[in-house]
Amino acid sequence: MPDNHGVEQRSQIVRMSQAGLSIRMISWRMGVPKSTVHDTIRRFLENGFCANRPKTGRPPSLNDADRRNLDAFITHNQWANLNEISRAIPNNVSNCTISKAIHDLGKRSCIAPKKPYLCQLDFDQRFTFAQEFGHWTLQQWA
């Protein structure tokens, strides 16, 4: 059965069949092919349920706990690059996998804004200003 038929739709097909409606009538009312109705009813009679079967496939390299640890590490080490992050993760996963996991967490890479360069003259002027006006009260600043 194609994946575009949800569990609710399949269970509705089964309920109609149990109510005594024909395959043709169920097909017409639900707007699905007769073969889909027939296959759905047959699978229900064989298995006893309409739920999706578990999918096969490779398990993810990073489980939920690893993703939480990755999120915590990134939060505390905002300036760490991808190589530093991959060395900190105990799993032996590729940088590409870590990069995708970071993206899935909603984090994004960005370059820190450039700060204005302060030379020694700027430091001296600020220090002189602070010494000169450091004792002022709020009324004097107003």
Protein backbone atom coordinates (compact mmCIF):
# COMPACT_ATOMS: atom_id res chain seq x y z
CA MET A 1 0.00 0.00 0.00
CA PRO A 2 1.41 3.42 -0.83
CA ASP A 3 2.53 5.66 2.00
CA ASN A 4 0.07 8.39 1.01
CA HIS A 5 -2.81 6.55 2.73
CA GLY A 6 -2.66 7.33 6.43
CA VAL A 7 -3.56 5.09 9.34
CA GLU A 8 -6.80 6.99 9.88
CA GLN A 9 -7.89 6.47 6.28
CA ARG A 10 -7.03 2.77 6.39
CA SER A 11 -8.92 2.29 9.66
CA GLN A 12 -11.91 4.08 8.13
CA ILE A 13 -11.80 1.65 5.18
CA VAL A 14 -11.77 -1.29 7.63
CA ARG A 15 -14.70 0.14 9.62
CA MET A 16 -16.73 0.56 6.43
CA SER A 17 -15.92 -3.01 5.44
CA GLN A 18 -16.99 -4.29 8.86
CA ALA A 19 -20.21 -2.29 8.51
CA GLY A 20 -21.01 -4.36 5.42
CA LEU A 21 -20.20 -1.95 2.59
CA SER A 22 -18.82 -3.45 -0.62
CA ILE A 23 -15.30 -2.80 -1.85
CA ARG A 24 -16.71 -0.84 -4.78
CA MET A 25 -18.80 1.41 -2.49
CA ILE A 26 -15.88 1.99 -0.09
CA SER A 27 -13.65 2.84 -3.05
CA TRP A 28 -16.21 5.31 -4.37
CA ARG A 29 -16.82 6.98 -0.98
CA MET A 30 -13.15 7.22 0.00
CA GLY A 31 -11.88 8.16 -3.45
CA VAL A 32 -9.21 5.45 -3.52
CA PRO A 33 -8.71 2.58 -5.98
CA LYS A 34 -10.53 -0.70 -5.38
CA SER A 35 -7.19 -2.49 -5.19
CA THR A 36 -6.18 -0.23 -2.28
CA VAL A 37 -9.40 -1.02 -0.44
CA HIS A 38 -8.96 -4.74 -1.07
CA ASP A 39 -5.30 -4.71 0.04
CA THR A 40 -6.15 -2.71 3.16
CA ILE A 41 -8.90 -5.13 4.20
CA ARG A 42 -6.70 -8.16 3.44
CA ARG A 43 -3.81 -6.76 5.52
CA PHE A 44 -6.17 -5.99 8.39
CA LEU A 45 -7.53 -9.55 8.35
CA GLU A 46 -3.98 -10.98 8.26
CA ASN A 47 -2.40 -8.72 10.90
CA GLY A 48 -5.33 -7.50 12.94
CA PHE A 49 -4.29 -3.83 12.85
CA CYS A 50 -3.99 -0.89 10.44
CA ALA A 51 -0.86 0.73 11.85
CA ASN A 52 2.21 1.31 9.72
CA ARG A 53 4.76 -1.44 9.78
CA PRO A 54 8.11 -0.58 11.33
CA LYS A 55 10.53 0.70 8.73
CA THR A 56 13.80 -1.00 8.13
CA GLY A 57 16.98 0.95 7.78
CA ARG A 58 20.17 1.95 9.41
CA PRO A 59 19.86 3.55 12.86
CA PRO A 60 21.04 7.16 13.11
CA SER A 61 24.69 7.76 13.99
CA LEU A 62 23.72 10.25 16.70
CA ASN A 63 20.93 9.25 19.05
CA ASP A 64 18.85 11.73 21.08
CA ALA A 65 21.30 11.79 23.99
CA ASP A 66 24.19 12.52 21.62
CA ARG A 67 22.21 15.35 20.05
CA ARG A 68 21.48 16.84 23.49
CA ASN A 69 25.17 16.61 24.40
CA LEU A 70 26.08 18.24 21.09
CA ASP A 71 23.60 21.05 21.74
CA ALA A 72 25.00 21.60 25.25
CA PHE A 73 28.58 21.64 23.95
CA ILE A 74 27.74 24.15 21.24
CA THR A 75 25.89 26.36 23.71
CA HIS A 76 28.86 26.47 26.08
CA ASN A 77 31.54 26.67 23.38
CA GLN A 78 30.05 29.04 20.85
CA TRP A 79 33.34 29.77 19.10
CA ALA A 80 34.38 26.14 18.60
CA ASN A 81 34.86 25.14 14.99
CA LEU A 82 33.65 21.88 13.47
CA ASN A 83 36.91 20.01 14.07
CA GLU A 84 36.92 20.94 17.77
CA ILE A 85 33.30 19.87 18.08
CA SER A 86 33.96 16.52 16.39
CA ARG A 87 36.88 15.86 18.74
CA ALA A 88 34.66 16.62 21.75
CA ILE A 89 31.90 14.21 20.67
CA PRO A 90 32.64 10.68 21.96
CA ASN A 91 31.10 8.99 18.89
CA ASN A 92 33.31 8.45 15.90
CA VAL A 93 31.16 10.29 13.34
CA SER A 94 32.14 12.40 10.37
CA ASN A 95 32.22 16.17 10.30
CA CYS A 96 29.43 16.10 7.73
CA THR A 97 27.17 14.17 10.14
CA ILE A 98 27.91 16.62 12.94
CA SER A 99 27.29 19.56 10.63
CA LYS A 100 23.89 18.13 9.63
CA ALA A 101 23.00 17.48 13.28
CA ILE A 102 23.91 21.07 14.19
CA HIS A 103 21.72 22.31 11.36
CA ASP A 104 18.85 20.06 12.54
CA LEU A 105 19.20 21.56 16.02
CA GLY A 106 18.49 24.96 14.52
CA LYS A 107 21.96 26.31 15.07
CA ARG A 108 23.74 28.12 12.30
CA SER A 109 27.26 29.18 11.63
CA CYS A 110 27.95 32.87 11.54
CA ILE A 111 31.02 35.08 11.57
CA ALA A 112 31.43 37.37 14.56
CA PRO A 113 31.12 41.06 13.68
CA LYS A 114 34.34 43.01 13.42
CA LYS A 115 34.95 45.23 16.41
CA PRO A 116 36.49 48.64 15.91
CA TYR A 117 40.23 48.57 16.38
CA LEU A 118 41.34 50.54 19.44
CA CYS A 119 44.91 51.77 19.47
CA GLN A 120 46.93 52.92 22.48
CA LEU A 121 45.86 56.55 21.88
CA ASP A 122 42.18 55.51 22.22
CA PHE A 123 42.91 53.70 25.50
CA ASP A 124 44.78 56.72 26.86
CA GLN A 125 41.97 59.12 25.91
CA ARG A 126 39.33 56.91 27.55
CA PHE A 127 41.43 56.56 30.68
CA THR A 128 41.94 60.33 30.89
CA PHE A 129 38.21 60.91 30.41
CA ALA A 130 37.37 58.40 33.14
CA GLN A 131 39.79 60.06 35.57
CA GLU A 132 38.51 63.53 34.73
CA PHE A 133 34.76 62.80 34.99
CA GLY A 134 34.63 59.68 37.18
CA HIS A 135 33.61 61.61 40.30
CA TRP A 136 30.63 63.41 38.70
CA THR A 137 27.14 62.86 40.12
CA LEU A 138 23.97 62.18 38.11
CA GLN A 139 22.93 65.83 38.39
CA GLN A 140 26.19 66.97 36.81
CA TRP A 141 25.71 64.60 33.86
CA ALA A 142 22.15 65.89 33.24
